[in-house]
C-alpha cells in the first residue's frame, strides 16, 4: 500500500511492527499464481485478476518471479481425472488470455522416470502446466524499497498504539525506539493481516470489524531435491491440494488449513500438521519414504484471514474483504484476507476507494511499470 500511495503522488508512512516481511509475508507458499483450484468454487474473477497480476510480476520483477513447470500426477485413486484437469486448465488458459505462459499438456510416459523419483505405481497420467514461484521475503522488501525510492516513509520496528477519528482524518499514535509519536493522516489503511482486527479495535470511536476466521497454514522443508519443477498433488487422506517444490537446498511441502484461535504472535506448526505433510511427501516420492519429523530441516506457519463460515477453509472465498468507517470519504480502510499474488491489485483498489479523502495529486509512477529488484 505504501508503494501505491507514493506512486500516486501522496505522502505516506508505513508503520511496521517487526522487520520487513517478518510475519505472514514470509510464510506463504512462495507462489505468484492464478489459483487453479479456485475454479472449482467458481471464483473466476479472482483467477482472472491473479493471472493478470502474474503476468505483471513476470514483467516487472524478472529476477524475483520466475515461471516454472507444474506437474499434476493422476493415479487410479486420484479424485480429479485427467479430462477434468485439462478442462480446468483450458479455462485457466482462457482467463489468462491464451498467452505462452498458459500452455499445458500431458507428460509422455517415457519422461516419467525424470520426475524426481515420483512414484509411478498406478500412475495413469501426468499433466503439465505453468505458474510462477517467488521468494516472498525478497519480493516484499523490493516493493518497500521501490516505495522508499519514491519518497515513502517507514517506521520500523514500531508499535501501533491507537487512532482517533476526527472530522477530516485520523490522529495516529505509535511508538518507535522508545518514543511515542503522534501524526495526522487523511486515511489510515489497516493492512495488518492476521492482526487487522486487533488494530481495528484500537480505533476510537469504534468502527466495524468484519466477522473473519484465522486459519493456520504450515509448511515444512525436507532434505531432498526436486529439480524438474513444482508438483501439485492430492493429500492421500483428504484430497486437499498440496504443493511440493524446490526451495533453496531442500524441498518445501505445504500447506495445511487448521483453525486458529490464539494470539497471532503465537502461531507455530503443530505436530499433526507436520505428520500430515510428511505423509504427502512419503506417498508420492521415493526419496521421502523414510522421513520422520526429526528429518524436517525447516518449519514455519502463517495465518490466513478468511470470511467466517461453517464450511472448510479450503472451500471458502479468497477474495479480499475491504471495509471503511464511512463512504464516500473514509478515514479508515481495512484490508482482510487476500493472496500474495494480488498485493498490487489490492493496493490499487484501496487507493481508488480512499481517493475522495486524499484529494488531488500528481502521479509519480504506475505500479504496473515499476521494476522490482532483488536487494543486494
Protein backbone atom coordinates (compact mmCIF):
# COMPACT_ATOMS: atom_id res chain seq x y z
CA UNK A 1 0.00 0.00 0.00
CA UNK A 2 2.92 2.33 0.70
CA UNK A 3 4.14 1.92 -2.86
CA UNK A 4 0.72 2.58 -4.43
CA UNK A 5 0.18 5.72 -2.34
CA UNK A 6 3.51 7.37 -3.08
CA UNK A 7 3.39 6.32 -6.73
CA UNK A 8 0.07 8.17 -6.96
CA UNK A 9 1.75 11.29 -5.58
CA UNK A 10 0.65 11.19 -1.94
CA UNK A 11 2.80 11.26 1.19
CA UNK A 12 2.61 8.01 3.14
CA UNK A 13 4.07 6.37 6.23
CA UNK A 14 4.34 2.62 6.85
CA UNK A 15 4.16 1.56 10.50
CA UNK A 16 5.63 -1.95 10.71
CA UNK A 17 5.63 -3.95 13.93
CA UNK A 18 8.69 -6.07 13.17
CA UNK A 19 11.32 -6.43 10.49
CA UNK A 20 10.04 -6.17 6.93
CA UNK A 21 8.38 -9.45 5.87
CA UNK A 22 8.87 -10.98 9.31
CA UNK A 23 5.20 -12.00 9.61
CA UNK A 24 2.77 -13.58 7.17
CA UNK A 25 4.66 -12.20 4.17
CA UNK A 26 7.49 -14.65 4.84
CA UNK A 27 5.26 -17.68 5.47
CA UNK A 28 3.42 -18.12 2.19
CA UNK A 29 3.66 -20.94 -0.34
CA UNK A 30 6.15 -18.79 -2.32
CA UNK A 31 3.93 -18.69 -5.41
CA UNK A 32 2.66 -15.98 -7.75
CA UNK A 33 -0.16 -17.93 -9.36
CA UNK A 34 -3.66 -17.71 -10.70
CA UNK A 35 -5.12 -20.16 -8.23
CA UNK A 36 -6.10 -23.11 -10.39
CA UNK A 37 -8.14 -24.74 -7.64
CA UNK A 38 -10.33 -21.64 -7.20
CA UNK A 39 -12.01 -22.50 -10.50
CA UNK A 40 -13.77 -25.37 -8.71
CA UNK A 41 -15.55 -22.90 -6.44
CA UNK A 42 -16.43 -20.52 -9.27
CA UNK A 43 -14.03 -17.71 -8.27
CA UNK A 44 -13.43 -16.76 -11.90
CA UNK A 45 -12.89 -13.03 -11.29
CA UNK A 46 -10.24 -13.81 -8.68
CA UNK A 47 -8.43 -16.20 -11.05
CA UNK A 48 -8.57 -13.71 -13.92
CA UNK A 49 -7.15 -10.93 -11.74
CA UNK A 50 -4.48 -13.23 -10.32
CA UNK A 51 -3.34 -14.33 -13.78
CA UNK A 52 -3.17 -10.70 -14.86
CA UNK A 53 -1.06 -9.92 -11.78
CA UNK A 54 1.16 -12.92 -12.52
CA UNK A 55 1.85 -11.52 -16.00
CA UNK A 56 2.70 -8.12 -14.49
CA UNK A 57 5.08 -9.72 -11.97
CA UNK A 58 6.88 -11.67 -14.67
CA UNK A 59 7.46 -8.39 -16.50
CA UNK A 60 8.41 -6.03 -13.63
CA UNK A 61 10.23 -8.50 -11.36
CA UNK A 62 12.01 -10.99 -13.63
CA UNK A 63 14.74 -11.79 -11.11
CA UNK A 64 12.21 -12.30 -8.30
CA UNK A 65 9.36 -14.12 -10.05
CA UNK A 66 10.04 -16.97 -12.46
CA UNK A 67 7.68 -19.14 -14.48
CA UNK A 68 8.03 -22.81 -13.53
CA UNK A 69 6.60 -26.07 -14.85
CA UNK A 70 3.95 -27.59 -12.56
CA UNK A 71 3.18 -31.30 -12.63
CA UNK A 72 -0.13 -32.87 -11.56
CA UNK A 73 0.19 -36.67 -11.24
CA UNK A 74 -3.05 -38.60 -11.70
CA UNK A 75 -3.21 -42.03 -10.08
CA UNK A 76 -6.02 -44.56 -10.11
CA UNK A 77 -7.26 -43.21 -6.76
CA UNK A 78 -6.83 -39.50 -7.64
CA UNK A 79 -10.16 -37.68 -7.31
CA UNK A 80 -9.74 -35.40 -10.32
CA UNK A 81 -9.37 -37.27 -13.61
CA UNK A 82 -7.14 -36.08 -16.49
CA UNK A 83 -10.09 -34.79 -18.53
CA UNK A 84 -11.26 -32.70 -15.56
CA UNK A 85 -7.81 -31.24 -15.06
CA UNK A 86 -7.43 -30.41 -18.75
CA UNK A 87 -10.85 -28.78 -18.82
CA UNK A 88 -9.84 -26.69 -15.80
CA UNK A 89 -6.53 -25.79 -17.44
CA UNK A 90 -8.33 -24.78 -20.62
CA UNK A 91 -10.43 -22.37 -18.54
CA UNK A 92 -7.24 -21.23 -16.79
CA UNK A 93 -5.68 -20.50 -20.19
CA UNK A 94 -8.82 -18.68 -21.33
CA UNK A 95 -8.79 -16.43 -18.26
CA UNK A 96 -5.07 -15.84 -18.81
CA UNK A 97 -5.58 -14.73 -22.41
CA UNK A 98 -4.07 -17.86 -24.01
CA UNK A 99 -0.57 -16.41 -23.89
CA UNK A 100 2.55 -18.58 -23.88
CA UNK A 101 2.53 -18.92 -20.09
CA UNK A 102 -0.85 -20.70 -20.15
CA UNK A 103 0.25 -23.67 -22.27
CA UNK A 104 -0.47 -27.11 -20.83
CA UNK A 105 -0.50 -30.76 -21.84
CA UNK A 106 0.37 -34.29 -20.83
CA UNK A 107 3.84 -35.57 -19.96
CA UNK A 108 4.75 -38.63 -22.09
CA UNK A 109 5.18 -41.83 -20.13
CA UNK A 110 8.76 -42.04 -21.40
CA UNK A 111 9.59 -38.90 -19.38
CA UNK A 112 8.12 -40.07 -16.07
CA UNK A 113 11.45 -41.52 -14.81
CA UNK A 114 12.90 -37.99 -14.87
CA UNK A 115 10.30 -36.61 -12.47
CA UNK A 116 12.39 -36.57 -9.29
CA UNK A 117 11.56 -40.08 -8.13
CA UNK A 118 7.79 -39.57 -8.37
CA UNK A 119 6.22 -42.95 -7.69
CA UNK A 120 4.77 -44.50 -10.85
CA UNK A 121 2.81 -47.44 -9.48
CA UNK A 122 -0.86 -46.97 -10.50
CA UNK A 123 0.08 -43.67 -12.19
CA UNK A 124 -2.32 -43.05 -15.07
CA UNK A 125 -1.14 -39.66 -16.34
CA UNK A 126 0.91 -36.57 -15.56
CA UNK A 127 -0.43 -33.16 -16.59
CA UNK A 128 1.95 -30.22 -17.00
CA UNK A 129 1.15 -26.51 -16.93
CA UNK A 130 2.97 -23.35 -15.77
CA UNK A 131 2.76 -20.92 -12.86
CA UNK A 132 5.31 -18.75 -11.07
CA UNK A 133 7.45 -19.05 -7.95
CA UNK A 134 8.97 -16.26 -5.87
CA UNK A 135 10.93 -15.52 -2.72
CA UNK A 136 8.20 -13.78 -0.71
CA UNK A 137 10.65 -12.04 1.63
CA UNK A 138 12.74 -10.61 -1.20
CA UNK A 139 9.63 -9.57 -3.12
CA UNK A 140 8.19 -7.74 -0.10
CA UNK A 141 11.45 -5.92 0.53
CA UNK A 142 11.76 -4.98 -3.13
CA UNK A 143 8.29 -3.42 -3.09
CA UNK A 144 9.10 -1.41 0.03
CA UNK A 145 12.42 -0.27 -1.43
CA UNK A 146 10.66 0.93 -4.58
CA UNK A 147 8.26 2.89 -2.34
CA UNK A 148 11.14 4.44 -0.41
CA UNK A 149 12.77 5.50 -3.67
CA UNK A 150 9.59 7.45 -4.44
CA UNK A 151 9.56 9.18 -1.06
CA UNK A 152 7.67 6.69 1.11
CA UNK A 153 8.48 6.82 4.84
CA UNK A 154 8.95 3.90 7.24
CA UNK A 155 8.68 3.47 10.99
CA UNK A 156 10.29 0.04 11.52
CA UNK A 157 10.07 -1.51 14.04
CA UNK A 158 7.17 0.38 15.55
CA UNK A 159 4.11 -0.40 17.62
CA UNK A 160 0.73 0.99 16.62
CA UNK A 161 -0.81 2.35 19.83
CA UNK A 162 -4.15 3.64 18.56
CA UNK A 163 -6.00 6.16 16.46
CA UNK A 164 -8.75 8.71 16.98
CA UNK A 165 -11.15 9.68 14.22
CA UNK A 166 -11.60 13.40 13.58
CA UNK A 167 -13.75 15.18 11.02
CA UNK A 168 -11.15 15.38 8.27
CA UNK A 169 -8.98 12.38 9.03
CA UNK A 170 -7.42 10.43 11.84
CA UNK A 171 -4.95 11.10 14.64
CA UNK A 172 -2.46 8.20 14.84
CA UNK A 173 -0.22 7.29 17.77
CA UNK A 174 2.71 4.86 17.51
CA UNK A 175 5.87 4.03 19.45
CA UNK A 176 9.30 3.53 17.93
CA UNK A 177 12.71 3.45 19.59
CA UNK A 178 11.15 4.04 22.98
CA UNK A 179 9.47 7.26 21.86
CA UNK A 180 5.78 7.93 21.32
CA UNK A 181 4.86 9.81 18.14
CA UNK A 182 1.57 11.37 17.05
CA UNK A 183 0.76 12.18 13.45
CA UNK A 184 -2.27 13.29 11.48
CA UNK A 185 -3.36 11.39 8.38
CA UNK A 186 -6.23 11.79 5.99
CA UNK A 187 -6.67 8.00 5.90
CA UNK A 188 -5.42 5.09 7.99
CA UNK A 189 -5.09 1.89 5.95
CA UNK A 190 -5.25 -1.15 8.20
CA UNK A 191 -3.22 -3.75 6.29
CA UNK A 192 -2.10 -5.73 9.33
CA UNK A 193 -3.02 -9.19 8.07
CA UNK A 194 -3.96 -11.50 10.96
CA UNK A 195 -3.52 -8.53 13.33
CA UNK A 196 -6.07 -6.41 11.41
CA UNK A 197 -8.91 -6.94 13.88
CA UNK A 198 -6.56 -6.07 16.75
CA UNK A 199 -5.59 -2.82 15.02
CA UNK A 200 -9.24 -2.00 14.28
CA UNK A 201 -10.15 -2.40 17.96
CA UNK A 202 -7.61 0.32 18.80
CA UNK A 203 -9.51 2.93 16.78
CA UNK A 204 -11.86 5.36 18.58
CA UNK A 205 -14.75 5.76 18.25
CA UNK A 206 -15.37 2.10 17.45
CA UNK A 207 -15.52 1.06 13.79
CA UNK A 208 -16.99 -2.01 12.09
CA UNK A 209 -14.88 -5.17 12.22
CA UNK A 210 -15.92 -7.94 9.80
CA UNK A 211 -16.57 -11.47 11.04
CA UNK A 212 -13.45 -13.38 10.00
CA UNK A 213 -11.60 -16.54 10.96
CA UNK A 214 -7.88 -17.12 11.27
CA UNK A 215 -6.68 -20.28 9.56
CA UNK A 216 -3.19 -21.62 10.09
CA UNK A 217 -1.08 -22.85 7.19
CA UNK A 218 2.07 -24.83 7.94
CA UNK A 219 4.97 -25.67 5.59
CA UNK A 220 7.92 -27.96 6.10
CA UNK A 221 11.25 -28.23 4.28
CA UNK A 222 12.73 -31.69 3.73
CA UNK A 223 16.33 -32.72 2.92
CA UNK A 224 15.57 -33.97 -0.60
CA UNK A 225 15.78 -32.37 -4.02
CA UNK A 226 13.18 -31.88 -6.71
CA UNK A 227 14.67 -30.22 -9.76
CA UNK A 228 12.21 -30.64 -12.62
CA UNK A 229 9.53 -28.29 -11.35
CA UNK A 230 6.74 -27.98 -8.81
CA UNK A 231 4.36 -30.83 -8.02
CA UNK A 232 0.68 -30.22 -7.32
CA UNK A 233 -0.66 -33.31 -5.59
CA UNK A 234 -3.66 -34.50 -3.60
CA UNK A 235 -3.31 -35.40 0.06
CA UNK A 236 -3.96 -39.15 0.32
CA UNK A 237 -6.01 -38.59 3.48
CA UNK A 238 -8.50 -35.88 2.48
CA UNK A 239 -7.85 -34.90 -1.15
CA UNK A 240 -6.62 -31.37 -0.37
CA UNK A 241 -4.23 -29.80 -2.86
CA UNK A 242 -0.60 -29.72 -1.67
CA UNK A 243 2.47 -28.22 -3.34
CA UNK A 244 5.87 -29.94 -3.34
CA UNK A 245 8.55 -27.61 -4.69
CA UNK A 246 12.26 -26.85 -4.78
CA UNK A 247 13.28 -24.37 -2.10
CA UNK A 248 16.95 -23.45 -1.70
CA UNK A 249 18.77 -26.73 -0.93
CA UNK A 250 15.67 -28.68 0.06
CA UNK A 251 12.05 -29.32 -0.83
CA UNK A 252 9.13 -27.27 0.50
CA UNK A 253 5.87 -29.09 1.22
CA UNK A 254 2.65 -27.24 2.07
CA UNK A 255 0.24 -26.18 3.13
CA UNK A 256 -2.28 -27.11 5.81
CA UNK A 257 -5.54 -25.42 6.84
CA UNK A 258 -6.08 -25.56 10.60
CA UNK A 259 -8.49 -23.31 12.53
CA UNK A 260 -6.54 -20.93 14.78
CA UNK A 261 -7.91 -19.28 17.92
CA UNK A 262 -4.88 -17.84 19.72
CA UNK A 263 -2.83 -14.66 19.50
CA UNK A 264 -1.30 -14.26 16.00
CA UNK A 265 2.18 -13.83 17.51
CA UNK A 266 1.94 -17.37 18.89
CA UNK A 267 1.33 -19.22 15.61
CA UNK A 268 3.59 -22.27 15.21
CA UNK A 269 3.49 -25.57 13.30
CA UNK A 270 1.59 -28.36 15.05
CA UNK A 271 2.97 -31.92 15.21
CA UNK A 272 -0.15 -33.26 13.48
CA UNK A 273 0.31 -30.78 10.62
CA UNK A 274 3.89 -31.90 10.14
CA UNK A 275 2.80 -35.55 10.10
CA UNK A 276 0.11 -34.68 7.55
CA UNK A 277 2.64 -33.07 5.20
CA UNK A 278 5.18 -35.85 5.72
CA UNK A 279 2.50 -38.37 4.73
CA UNK A 280 2.03 -36.49 1.45
CA UNK A 281 5.77 -36.48 0.66
CA UNK A 282 6.15 -40.16 1.55
CA UNK A 283 3.10 -41.12 -0.52
CA UNK A 284 4.42 -39.58 -3.74
CA UNK A 285 8.22 -39.55 -3.61
CA UNK A 286 10.59 -42.45 -3.07
CA UNK A 287 13.25 -40.15 -1.60
CA UNK A 288 10.89 -39.24 1.25
CA UNK A 289 9.88 -42.79 2.16
CA UNK A 290 11.77 -42.97 5.44
CA UNK A 291 11.38 -39.38 6.61
CA UNK A 292 10.09 -38.59 10.10
CA UNK A 293 9.61 -35.29 11.92
CA UNK A 294 13.25 -35.46 13.01
CA UNK A 295 14.27 -35.09 9.35
CA UNK A 296 12.49 -31.74 8.87
CA UNK A 297 15.14 -29.06 8.34
CA UNK A 298 12.79 -26.05 8.48
CA UNK A 299 9.19 -25.49 9.53
CA UNK A 300 7.03 -22.38 9.60
CA UNK A 301 3.38 -21.42 9.96
CA UNK A 302 1.41 -18.39 8.84
CA UNK A 303 -2.17 -17.25 9.18
CA UNK A 304 -4.82 -16.63 6.54
CA UNK A 305 -7.72 -14.28 7.19
CA UNK A 306 -10.89 -15.80 5.74
CA UNK A 307 -14.60 -14.90 5.88
CA UNK A 308 -16.20 -16.59 8.88
CA UNK A 309 -18.22 -19.57 7.65
CA UNK A 310 -19.19 -23.09 8.57
CA UNK A 311 -17.56 -24.81 5.59
CA UNK A 312 -13.96 -25.94 5.49
CA UNK A 313 -11.31 -23.29 4.88
CA UNK A 314 -10.36 -24.98 1.59
CA UNK A 315 -13.81 -24.15 0.15
CA UNK A 316 -14.06 -20.51 1.25
CA UNK A 317 -13.65 -17.44 -0.91
CA UNK A 318 -10.16 -16.00 -1.22
CA UNK A 319 -11.48 -12.59 -2.29
CA UNK A 320 -10.09 -9.70 -0.26
CA UNK A 321 -12.55 -8.01 2.12
CA UNK A 322 -12.39 -4.20 2.25
CA UNK A 323 -14.14 -2.20 4.99
CA UNK A 324 -14.44 1.54 5.61
CA UNK A 325 -15.66 3.62 8.54
CA UNK A 326 -17.78 5.73 6.18
CA UNK A 327 -18.37 6.42 2.50
CA UNK A 328 -17.60 8.19 0.27
CA UNK A 329 -14.92 9.89 2.42
CA UNK A 330 -13.32 7.12 4.51
CA UNK A 331 -10.94 7.83 7.34
CA UNK A 332 -10.08 4.16 7.97
CA UNK A 333 -9.95 1.39 5.40
CA UNK A 334 -9.39 -2.19 6.49
CA UNK A 335 -7.97 -4.99 4.35
CA UNK A 336 -8.88 -8.53 5.41
CA UNK A 337 -7.59 -11.58 3.58
CA UNK A 338 -6.24 -11.73 0.05
CA UNK A 339 -3.33 -13.54 -1.62
CA UNK A 340 0.33 -12.71 -2.10
CA UNK A 341 -0.26 -12.66 -5.86
CA UNK A 342 -2.84 -9.91 -5.55
CA UNK A 343 -0.92 -7.44 -3.37
CA UNK A 344 -0.54 -4.83 -6.13
CA UNK A 345 -4.14 -5.06 -7.37
CA UNK A 346 -5.44 -4.84 -3.79
CA UNK A 347 -3.38 -1.70 -3.17
CA UNK A 348 -4.74 -0.07 -6.32
CA UNK A 349 -8.27 -0.95 -5.26
CA UNK A 350 -7.66 0.62 -1.84
CA UNK A 351 -6.29 3.75 -3.47
CA UNK A 352 -9.43 4.05 -5.58
CA UNK A 353 -11.65 3.69 -2.50
CA UNK A 354 -9.81 6.31 -0.45
CA UNK A 355 -9.15 8.79 -3.28
CA UNK A 356 -12.08 11.09 -2.32
CA UNK A 357 -10.45 11.59 1.09
CA UNK A 358 -6.99 12.24 -0.32
CA UNK A 359 -7.68 14.97 -2.81
CA UNK A 360 -5.77 15.77 -5.99
CA UNK A 361 -2.14 14.75 -6.51
CA UNK A 362 0.45 14.49 -9.24
CA UNK A 363 1.21 10.87 -10.08
CA UNK A 364 4.87 9.91 -9.86
CA UNK A 365 4.71 6.41 -11.34
CA UNK A 366 2.47 3.45 -12.19
CA UNK A 367 2.90 0.37 -10.03
CA UNK A 368 2.50 -1.95 -13.01
CA UNK A 369 5.59 -0.33 -14.55
CA UNK A 370 7.89 0.00 -11.52
CA UNK A 371 10.71 -2.53 -11.82
CA UNK A 372 11.30 -4.52 -8.64
CA UNK A 373 14.85 -5.61 -7.95
CA UNK A 374 16.30 -8.13 -5.51
CA UNK A 375 18.05 -6.48 -2.58
CA UNK A 376 21.82 -6.90 -2.56
